[in-house]
Amino acid sequence: MQDATDNGYLPPFVVGKTAADEKELYGAMKNIGVMSRRKDGRLDMPDLFRVAAKLLKKGGTTPL
């Protein structure tokens, strides 16, 4: 944490397994511009980050 503060990096984010932890993770990802919410309530995340996080894609087209 000190290195992040000293050098202006984003601090690490510890993820737990509760709904509150998931909301906090979404908030952190939204703050850095990685995730957003669509008008219909679905979450939107660039494939680059989604694939790296090993998250499944539900709907849409499959990236090459």
PDB file of N, CA and C in Angstrom:
ATOM      1  N   MET A   1       0.822  -1.191   0.000  1.00  0.00           N
ATOM      2  CA  MET A   1       0.000   0.000   0.000  1.00  0.00           C
ATOM      3  C   MET A   1       0.864   1.252   0.000  1.00  0.00           C
ATOM      4  N   GLN A   2       1.956   1.219   0.744  1.00  0.00           N
ATOM      5  CA  GLN A   2       2.807   2.404   0.827  1.00  0.00           C
ATOM      6  C   GLN A   2       3.413   2.730  -0.534  1.00  0.00           C
ATOM      7  N   ASP A   3       3.834   1.690  -1.282  1.00  0.00           N
ATOM      8  CA  ASP A   3       4.405   1.912  -2.612  1.00  0.00           C
ATOM      9  C   ASP A   3       3.382   2.559  -3.533  1.00  0.00           C
ATOM     10  N   ALA A   4       2.144   2.104  -3.456  1.00  0.00           N
ATOM     11  CA  ALA A   4       1.083   2.688  -4.280  1.00  0.00           C
ATOM     12  C   ALA A   4       0.880   4.155  -3.929  1.00  0.00           C
ATOM     13  N   THR A   5       0.895   4.465  -2.653  1.00  0.00           N
ATOM     14  CA  THR A   5       0.723   5.848  -2.207  1.00  0.00           C
ATOM     15  C   THR A   5       1.910   6.712  -2.625  1.00  0.00           C
ATOM     16  N   ASP A   6       3.109   6.205  -2.428  1.00  0.00           N
ATOM     17  CA  ASP A   6       4.318   6.972  -2.744  1.00  0.00           C
ATOM     18  C   ASP A   6       4.469   7.255  -4.235  1.00  0.00           C
ATOM     19  N   ASN A   7       4.059   6.298  -5.069  1.00  0.00           N
ATOM     20  CA  ASN A   7       4.291   6.416  -6.509  1.00  0.00           C
ATOM     21  C   ASN A   7       3.044   6.743  -7.318  1.00  0.00           C
ATOM     22  N   GLY A   8       1.920   6.958  -6.661  1.00  0.00           N
ATOM     23  CA  GLY A   8       0.701   7.336  -7.370  1.00  0.00           C
ATOM     24  C   GLY A   8       0.011   6.198  -8.095  1.00  0.00           C
ATOM     25  N   TYR A   9       0.289   4.952  -7.692  1.00  0.00           N
ATOM     26  CA  TYR A   9      -0.375   3.798  -8.293  1.00  0.00           C
ATOM     27  C   TYR A   9      -1.722   3.573  -7.628  1.00  0.00           C
ATOM     28  N   LEU A  10      -2.568   2.796  -8.303  1.00  0.00           N
ATOM     29  CA  LEU A  10      -3.805   2.365  -7.670  1.00  0.00           C
ATOM     30  C   LEU A  10      -3.460   1.295  -6.638  1.00  0.00           C
ATOM     31  N   PRO A  11      -4.023   1.371  -5.446  1.00  0.00           N
ATOM     32  CA  PRO A  11      -3.728   0.347  -4.443  1.00  0.00           C
ATOM     33  C   PRO A  11      -4.398  -0.973  -4.811  1.00  0.00           C
ATOM     34  N   PRO A  12      -3.896  -2.095  -4.278  1.00  0.00           N
ATOM     35  CA  PRO A  12      -4.538  -3.387  -4.554  1.00  0.00           C
ATOM     36  C   PRO A  12      -5.943  -3.422  -3.973  1.00  0.00           C
ATOM     37  N   PHE A  13      -6.778  -4.262  -4.559  1.00  0.00           N
ATOM     38  CA  PHE A  13      -8.158  -4.394  -4.113  1.00  0.00           C
ATOM     39  C   PHE A  13      -8.387  -5.840  -3.718  1.00  0.00           C
ATOM     40  N   VAL A  14      -8.701  -6.083  -2.472  1.00  0.00           N
ATOM     41  CA  VAL A  14      -8.941  -7.433  -1.974  1.00  0.00           C
ATOM     42  C   VAL A  14     -10.404  -7.778  -2.195  1.00  0.00           C
ATOM     43  N   VAL A  15     -10.646  -8.915  -2.832  1.00  0.00           N
ATOM     44  CA  VAL A  15     -12.012  -9.330  -3.142  1.00  0.00           C
ATOM     45  C   VAL A  15     -12.404 -10.490  -2.247  1.00  0.00           C
ATOM     46  N   GLY A  16     -13.560 -10.366  -1.625  1.00  0.00           N
ATOM     47  CA  GLY A  16     -14.100 -11.447  -0.815  1.00  0.00           C
ATOM     48  C   GLY A  16     -15.184 -12.173  -1.584  1.00  0.00           C
ATOM     49  N   LYS A  17     -16.071 -12.829  -0.862  1.00  0.00           N
ATOM     50  CA  LYS A  17     -17.088 -13.636  -1.528  1.00  0.00           C
ATOM     51  C   LYS A  17     -18.498 -13.236  -1.141  1.00  0.00           C
ATOM     52  N   THR A  18     -18.714 -11.993  -0.769  1.00  0.00           N
ATOM     53  CA  THR A  18     -20.059 -11.549  -0.419  1.00  0.00           C
ATOM     54  C   THR A  18     -20.561 -10.571  -1.471  1.00  0.00           C
ATOM     55  N   ALA A  19     -21.851 -10.328  -1.457  1.00  0.00           N
ATOM     56  CA  ALA A  19     -22.448  -9.384  -2.406  1.00  0.00           C
ATOM     57  C   ALA A  19     -21.863  -7.987  -2.215  1.00  0.00           C
ATOM     58  N   ALA A  20     -21.577  -7.616  -0.971  1.00  0.00           N
ATOM     59  CA  ALA A  20     -20.985  -6.296  -0.704  1.00  0.00           C
ATOM     60  C   ALA A  20     -19.604  -6.194  -1.343  1.00  0.00           C
ATOM     61  N   ASP A  21     -18.825  -7.277  -1.283  1.00  0.00           N
ATOM     62  CA  ASP A  21     -17.497  -7.282  -1.899  1.00  0.00           C
ATOM     63  C   ASP A  21     -17.608  -7.128  -3.413  1.00  0.00           C
ATOM     64  N   GLU A  22     -18.596  -7.773  -4.017  1.00  0.00           N
ATOM     65  CA  GLU A  22     -18.796  -7.665  -5.461  1.00  0.00           C
ATOM     66  C   GLU A  22     -19.171  -6.238  -5.844  1.00  0.00           C
ATOM     67  N   LYS A  23     -19.995  -5.594  -5.044  1.00  0.00           N
ATOM     68  CA  LYS A  23     -20.366  -4.201  -5.316  1.00  0.00           C
ATOM     69  C   LYS A  23     -19.153  -3.285  -5.187  1.00  0.00           C
ATOM     70  N   GLU A  24     -18.301  -3.541  -4.203  1.00  0.00           N
ATOM     71  CA  GLU A  24     -17.088  -2.741  -4.033  1.00  0.00           C
ATOM     72  C   GLU A  24     -16.137  -2.945  -5.208  1.00  0.00           C
ATOM     73  N   LEU A  25     -16.028  -4.185  -5.690  1.00  0.00           N
ATOM     74  CA  LEU A  25     -15.186  -4.461  -6.847  1.00  0.00           C
ATOM     75  C   LEU A  25     -15.718  -3.722  -8.070  1.00  0.00           C
ATOM     76  N   TYR A  26     -17.031  -3.776  -8.285  1.00  0.00           N
ATOM     77  CA  TYR A  26     -17.628  -3.046  -9.403  1.00  0.00           C
ATOM     78  C   TYR A  26     -17.330  -1.555  -9.275  1.00  0.00           C
ATOM     79  N   GLY A  27     -17.479  -1.003  -8.076  1.00  0.00           N
ATOM     80  CA  GLY A  27     -17.201   0.419  -7.861  1.00  0.00           C
ATOM     81  C   GLY A  27     -15.759   0.775  -8.192  1.00  0.00           C
ATOM     82  N   ALA A  28     -14.832  -0.077  -7.775  1.00  0.00           N
ATOM     83  CA  ALA A  28     -13.413   0.173  -8.057  1.00  0.00           C
ATOM     84  C   ALA A  28     -13.143   0.105  -9.554  1.00  0.00           C
ATOM     85  N   MET A  29     -13.727  -0.884 -10.233  1.00  0.00           N
ATOM     86  CA  MET A  29     -13.517  -1.022 -11.676  1.00  0.00           C
ATOM     87  C   MET A  29     -14.188   0.115 -12.441  1.00  0.00           C
ATOM     88  N   LYS A  30     -15.319   0.570 -11.954  1.00  0.00           N
ATOM     89  CA  LYS A  30     -16.001   1.705 -12.579  1.00  0.00           C
ATOM     90  C   LYS A  30     -15.162   2.976 -12.429  1.00  0.00           C
ATOM     91  N   ASN A  31     -14.570   3.166 -11.250  1.00  0.00           N
ATOM     92  CA  ASN A  31     -13.760   4.357 -10.989  1.00  0.00           C
ATOM     93  C   ASN A  31     -12.554   4.464 -11.910  1.00  0.00           C
ATOM     94  N   ILE A  32     -11.977   3.337 -12.318  1.00  0.00           N
ATOM     95  CA  ILE A  32     -10.818   3.389 -13.208  1.00  0.00           C
ATOM     96  C   ILE A  32     -11.220   3.231 -14.674  1.00  0.00           C
ATOM     97  N   GLY A  33     -12.523   3.184 -14.946  1.00  0.00           N
ATOM     98  CA  GLY A  33     -13.006   3.168 -16.324  1.00  0.00           C
ATOM     99  C   GLY A  33     -12.994   1.822 -17.009  1.00  0.00           C
ATOM    100  N   VAL A  34     -12.916   0.742 -16.238  1.00  0.00           N
ATOM    101  CA  VAL A  34     -12.872  -0.595 -16.825  1.00  0.00           C
ATOM    102  C   VAL A  34     -14.267  -1.191 -16.989  1.00  0.00           C
ATOM    103  N   MET A  35     -15.213  -0.756 -16.183  1.00  0.00           N
ATOM    104  CA  MET A  35     -16.546  -1.344 -16.209  1.00  0.00           C
ATOM    105  C   MET A  35     -17.595  -0.246 -16.136  1.00  0.00           C
ATOM    106  N   SER A  36     -18.711  -0.483 -16.814  1.00  0.00           N
ATOM    107  CA  SER A  36     -19.820   0.472 -16.759  1.00  0.00           C
ATOM    108  C   SER A  36     -21.129  -0.305 -16.778  1.00  0.00           C
ATOM    109  N   ARG A  37     -22.199   0.382 -16.475  1.00  0.00           N
ATOM    110  CA  ARG A  37     -23.517  -0.247 -16.483  1.00  0.00           C
ATOM    111  C   ARG A  37     -24.318   0.328 -17.642  1.00  0.00           C
ATOM    112  N   ARG A  38     -24.939  -0.550 -18.427  1.00  0.00           N
ATOM    113  CA  ARG A  38     -25.762  -0.116 -19.559  1.00  0.00           C
ATOM    114  C   ARG A  38     -27.119   0.368 -19.073  1.00  0.00           C
ATOM    115  N   LYS A  39     -27.857   1.023 -19.948  1.00  0.00           N
ATOM    116  CA  LYS A  39     -29.178   1.549 -19.582  1.00  0.00           C
ATOM    117  C   LYS A  39     -30.131   0.443 -19.147  1.00  0.00           C
ATOM    118  N   ASP A  40     -29.953  -0.760 -19.712  1.00  0.00           N
ATOM    119  CA  ASP A  40     -30.845  -1.871 -19.359  1.00  0.00           C
ATOM    120  C   ASP A  40     -30.381  -2.625 -18.106  1.00  0.00           C
ATOM    121  N   GLY A  41     -29.322  -2.129 -17.448  1.00  0.00           N
ATOM    122  CA  GLY A  41     -28.871  -2.728 -16.197  1.00  0.00           C
ATOM    123  C   GLY A  41     -27.725  -3.718 -16.326  1.00  0.00           C
ATOM    124  N   ARG A  42     -27.420  -4.138 -17.558  1.00  0.00           N
ATOM    125  CA  ARG A  42     -26.316  -5.085 -17.736  1.00  0.00           C
ATOM    126  C   ARG A  42     -24.976  -4.382 -17.545  1.00  0.00           C
ATOM    127  N   LEU A  43     -23.980  -5.177 -17.173  1.00  0.00           N
ATOM    128  CA  LEU A  43     -22.630  -4.642 -16.999  1.00  0.00           C
ATOM    129  C   LEU A  43     -21.870  -4.742 -18.311  1.00  0.00           C
ATOM    130  N   ASP A  44     -21.042  -3.748 -18.571  1.00  0.00           N
ATOM    131  CA  ASP A  44     -20.242  -3.716 -19.783  1.00  0.00           C
ATOM    132  C   ASP A  44     -18.776  -3.597 -19.395  1.00  0.00           C
ATOM    133  N   MET A  45     -17.955  -4.466 -20.000  1.00  0.00           N
ATOM    134  CA  MET A  45     -16.525  -4.483 -19.705  1.00  0.00           C
ATOM    135  C   MET A  45     -15.786  -4.837 -20.996  1.00  0.00           C
ATOM    136  N   PRO A  46     -14.718  -4.124 -21.333  1.00  0.00           N
ATOM    137  CA  PRO A  46     -13.964  -4.467 -22.539  1.00  0.00           C
ATOM    138  C   PRO A  46     -13.462  -5.912 -22.486  1.00  0.00           C
ATOM    139  N   ASP A  47     -13.470  -6.588 -23.645  1.00  0.00           N
ATOM    140  CA  ASP A  47     -13.051  -7.985 -23.705  1.00  0.00           C
ATOM    141  C   ASP A  47     -11.640  -8.193 -23.172  1.00  0.00           C
ATOM    142  N   LEU A  48     -10.766  -7.232 -23.371  1.00  0.00           N
ATOM    143  CA  LEU A  48      -9.391  -7.357 -22.891  1.00  0.00           C
ATOM    144  C   LEU A  48      -9.357  -7.645 -21.391  1.00  0.00           C
ATOM    145  N   PHE A  49     -10.158  -6.926 -20.628  1.00  0.00           N
ATOM    146  CA  PHE A  49     -10.195  -7.119 -19.176  1.00  0.00           C
ATOM    147  C   PHE A  49     -11.018  -8.343 -18.807  1.00  0.00           C
ATOM    148  N   ARG A  50     -12.113  -8.583 -19.523  1.00  0.00           N
ATOM    149  CA  ARG A  50     -12.974  -9.724 -19.227  1.00  0.00           C
ATOM    150  C   ARG A  50     -12.227 -11.034 -19.423  1.00  0.00           C
ATOM    151  N   VAL A  51     -11.496 -11.160 -20.534  1.00  0.00           N
ATOM    152  CA  VAL A  51     -10.758 -12.392 -20.814  1.00  0.00           C
ATOM    153  C   VAL A  51      -9.639 -12.585 -19.791  1.00  0.00           C
ATOM    154  N   ALA A  52      -8.936 -11.509 -19.448  1.00  0.00           N
ATOM    155  CA  ALA A  52      -7.851 -11.603 -18.462  1.00  0.00           C
ATOM    156  C   ALA A  52      -8.381 -12.035 -17.097  1.00  0.00           C
ATOM    157  N   ALA A  53      -9.607 -11.621 -16.763  1.00  0.00           N
ATOM    158  CA  ALA A  53     -10.212 -11.992 -15.486  1.00  0.00           C
ATOM    159  C   ALA A  53     -10.910 -13.347 -15.551  1.00  0.00           C
ATOM    160  N   LYS A  54     -10.875 -13.986 -16.723  1.00  0.00           N
ATOM    161  CA  LYS A  54     -11.496 -15.297 -16.949  1.00  0.00           C
ATOM    162  C   LYS A  54     -12.989 -15.277 -16.651  1.00  0.00           C
ATOM    163  N   LEU A  55     -13.647 -14.188 -17.064  1.00  0.00           N
ATOM    164  CA  LEU A  55     -15.090 -14.065 -16.900  1.00  0.00           C
ATOM    165  C   LEU A  55     -15.784 -14.497 -18.181  1.00  0.00           C
ATOM    166  N   LEU A  56     -16.920 -15.151 -18.040  1.00  0.00           N
ATOM    167  CA  LEU A  56     -17.689 -15.580 -19.199  1.00  0.00           C
ATOM    168  C   LEU A  56     -18.436 -14.410 -19.808  1.00  0.00           C
ATOM    169  N   LYS A  57     -18.674 -14.511 -21.105  1.00  0.00           N
ATOM    170  CA  LYS A  57     -19.457 -13.493 -21.797  1.00  0.00           C
ATOM    171  C   LYS A  57     -20.829 -14.086 -22.062  1.00  0.00           C
ATOM    172  N   LYS A  58     -21.849 -13.346 -21.723  1.00  0.00           N
ATOM    173  CA  LYS A  58     -23.215 -13.817 -21.932  1.00  0.00           C
ATOM    174  C   LYS A  58     -23.882 -12.930 -22.963  1.00  0.00           C
ATOM    175  N   GLY A  59     -24.027 -13.435 -24.179  1.00  0.00           N
ATOM    176  CA  GLY A  59     -24.631 -12.665 -25.259  1.00  0.00           C
ATOM    177  C   GLY A  59     -23.582 -11.948 -26.074  1.00  0.00           C
ATOM    178  N   GLY A  60     -24.008 -11.316 -27.149  1.00  0.00           N
ATOM    179  CA  GLY A  60     -23.083 -10.583 -28.012  1.00  0.00           C
ATOM    180  C   GLY A  60     -22.276 -11.525 -28.880  1.00  0.00           C
ATOM    181  N   THR A  61     -21.269 -10.974 -29.534  1.00  0.00           N
ATOM    182  CA  THR A  61     -20.427 -11.782 -30.404  1.00  0.00           C
ATOM    183  C   THR A  61     -19.156 -12.178 -29.672  1.00  0.00           C
ATOM    184  N   THR A  62     -18.603 -13.307 -30.065  1.00  0.00           N
ATOM    185  CA  THR A  62     -17.380 -13.805 -29.452  1.00  0.00           C
ATOM    186  C   THR A  62     -16.179 -13.112 -30.073  1.00  0.00           C
ATOM    187  N   PRO A  63     -15.233 -12.628 -29.251  1.00  0.00           N
ATOM    188  CA  PRO A  63     -14.042 -11.990 -29.823  1.00  0.00           C
ATOM    189  C   PRO A  63     -13.177 -13.005 -30.553  1.00  0.00           C
ATOM    190  N   LEU A  64     -12.436 -12.549 -31.546  1.00  0.00           N
ATOM    191  CA  LEU A  64     -11.562 -13.447 -32.313  1.00  0.00           C
ATOM    192  C   LEU A  64     -10.357 -13.857 -31.515  1.00  0.00           C
TER     193      LEU A  64
END
